[in-house]
C-alpha atoms as a PDB file:
ATOM      1  CA  MET A   1      79.681 279.621 110.411  1.00  0.00           C
ATOM      2  CA  LEU A   2      80.500 275.932 110.140  1.00  0.00           C
ATOM      3  CA  SER A   3      81.802 274.469 106.909  1.00  0.00           C
ATOM      4  CA  ASP A   4      79.915 271.654 105.220  1.00  0.00           C
ATOM      5  CA  TYR A   5      82.609 269.272 106.418  1.00  0.00           C
ATOM      6  CA  GLN A   6      82.237 270.400 110.033  1.00  0.00           C
ATOM      7  CA  GLN A   7      78.447 270.102 109.828  1.00  0.00           C
ATOM      8  CA  THR A   8      78.754 266.571 108.461  1.00  0.00           C
ATOM      9  CA  LEU A   9      81.101 265.621 111.282  1.00  0.00           C
ATOM     10  CA  GLU A  10      78.715 266.994 113.896  1.00  0.00           C
ATOM     11  CA  LYS A  11      75.767 265.077 112.418  1.00  0.00           C
ATOM     12  CA  ASN A  12      77.625 261.751 112.191  1.00  0.00           C
ATOM     13  CA  ASP A  13      76.592 259.655 115.209  1.00  0.00           C
ATOM     14  CA  SER A  14      79.629 257.383 114.928  1.00  0.00           C
ATOM     15  CA  LEU A  15      81.880 260.323 115.789  1.00  0.00           C
ATOM     16  CA  GLN A  16      79.979 261.615 118.818  1.00  0.00           C
ATOM     17  CA  HIS A  17      82.412 259.966 121.247  1.00  0.00           C
ATOM     18  CA  ILE A  18      85.295 262.052 119.871  1.00  0.00           C
ATOM     19  CA  ASP A  19      86.015 265.343 121.579  1.00  0.00           C
ATOM     20  CA  MET A  20      86.651 267.428 118.471  1.00  0.00           C
ATOM     21  CA  THR A  21      87.651 270.509 120.457  1.00  0.00           C
ATOM     22  CA  ALA A  22      90.306 268.548 122.314  1.00  0.00           C
ATOM     23  CA  GLN A  23      91.547 267.032 119.058  1.00  0.00           C
ATOM     24  CA  LEU A  24      91.841 270.465 117.450  1.00  0.00           C
ATOM     25  CA  ASP A  25      93.618 271.835 120.518  1.00  0.00           C
ATOM     26  CA  ARG A  26      96.153 268.992 120.383  1.00  0.00           C
ATOM     27  CA  ALA A  27      96.723 269.596 116.674  1.00  0.00           C
ATOM     28  CA  ARG A  28      97.210 273.330 117.241  1.00  0.00           C
ATOM     29  CA  ASP A  29      99.663 272.618 120.056  1.00  0.00           C
ATOM     30  CA  ALA A  30     101.582 270.091 117.941  1.00  0.00           C
ATOM     31  CA  TYR A  31     101.762 272.359 114.889  1.00  0.00           C
ATOM     32  CA  PRO A  32     101.610 276.054 115.770  1.00  0.00           C
ATOM     33  CA  ALA A  33     100.663 278.105 112.730  1.00  0.00           C
ATOM     34  CA  GLY A  34     102.914 280.285 110.645  1.00  0.00           C
ATOM     35  CA  GLU A  35     106.305 280.662 109.099  1.00  0.00           C
ATOM     36  CA  PRO A  36     108.087 281.532 112.383  1.00  0.00           C
ATOM     37  CA  ALA A  37     106.872 278.284 113.969  1.00  0.00           C
ATOM     38  CA  ALA A  38     107.986 276.329 110.907  1.00  0.00           C
ATOM     39  CA  PHE A  39     111.457 277.861 110.994  1.00  0.00           C
ATOM     40  CA  GLN A  40     111.702 277.210 114.730  1.00  0.00           C
ATOM     41  CA  ARG A  41     110.876 273.545 114.126  1.00  0.00           C
ATOM     42  CA  LEU A  42     113.429 273.399 111.296  1.00  0.00           C
ATOM     43  CA  GLU A  43     116.128 274.962 113.465  1.00  0.00           C
ATOM     44  CA  ALA A  44     115.387 272.503 116.282  1.00  0.00           C
ATOM     45  CA  PHE A  45     115.683 269.594 113.850  1.00  0.00           C
ATOM     46  CA  VAL A  46     118.984 270.864 112.442  1.00  0.00           C
ATOM     47  CA  ASP A  47     120.384 271.547 115.923  1.00  0.00           C
ATOM     48  CA  ASP A  48     119.243 268.308 117.571  1.00  0.00           C
ATOM     49  CA  ASP A  49     118.520 265.540 115.087  1.00  0.00           C
ATOM     50  CA  ILE A  50     119.976 266.013 111.623  1.00  0.00           C
ATOM     51  CA  ASN A  51     123.347 264.409 112.372  1.00  0.00           C
ATOM     52  CA  ASN A  52     121.702 261.097 113.325  1.00  0.00           C
ATOM     53  CA  TYR A  53     118.794 261.258 110.894  1.00  0.00           C
ATOM     54  CA  ASP A  54     120.067 258.452 108.659  1.00  0.00           C
ATOM     55  CA  VAL A  55     120.029 256.040 111.620  1.00  0.00           C
ATOM     56  CA  SER A  56     117.157 257.319 113.742  1.00  0.00           C
ATOM     57  CA  ARG A  57     114.497 258.239 111.154  1.00  0.00           C
ATOM     58  CA  ASP A  58     113.049 254.735 111.133  1.00  0.00           C
ATOM     59  CA  VAL A  59     112.782 254.413 114.927  1.00  0.00           C
ATOM     60  CA  PRO A  60     109.427 256.021 115.818  1.00  0.00           C
ATOM     61  CA  HIS A  61     109.954 256.321 119.579  1.00  0.00           C
ATOM     62  CA  LEU A  62     112.978 258.572 118.988  1.00  0.00           C
ATOM     63  CA  HIS A  63     110.882 261.329 117.348  1.00  0.00           C
ATOM     64  CA  ALA A  64     113.928 262.087 115.208  1.00  0.00           C
ATOM     65  CA  THR A  65     112.216 263.167 112.003  1.00  0.00           C
ATOM     66  CA  SER A  66     111.860 266.828 111.116  1.00  0.00           C
ATOM     67  CA  GLN A  67     108.096 267.050 111.757  1.00  0.00           C
ATOM     68  CA  LEU A  68     107.941 269.586 108.940  1.00  0.00           C
ATOM     69  CA  SER A  69     105.422 267.824 106.687  1.00  0.00           C
ATOM     70  CA  ALA A  70     102.464 269.982 107.716  1.00  0.00           C
ATOM     71  CA  TYR A  71     104.436 273.163 107.131  1.00  0.00           C
ATOM     72  CA  LEU A  72     105.731 271.972 103.759  1.00  0.00           C
ATOM     73  CA  THR A  73     102.266 270.845 102.696  1.00  0.00           C
ATOM     74  CA  ILE A  74     100.662 274.244 103.231  1.00  0.00           C
ATOM     75  CA  GLY A  75     103.656 276.216 102.008  1.00  0.00           C
ATOM     76  CA  SER A  76     104.747 277.854 105.254  1.00  0.00           C
ATOM     77  CA  ILE A  77     108.265 276.884 104.223  1.00  0.00           C
ATOM     78  CA  SER A  78     109.627 275.382 101.041  1.00  0.00           C
END
């Protein structure tokens, strides 16, 4: 059963060019669900990026931020 939001998106002609399935797949790949995935991302950040965070956090092409916002937002980790 589709949520009201999903039904609205499907009815909106201006969004028909967007492949929603592909977008959802990319989001799921970028942010795997669950606490174990969140802790794995945290460990990777601590191991690889935390020592240079103060310098590299404002340089987008370095991908040096923690990428934990989604997990913090939904409470997978705190």
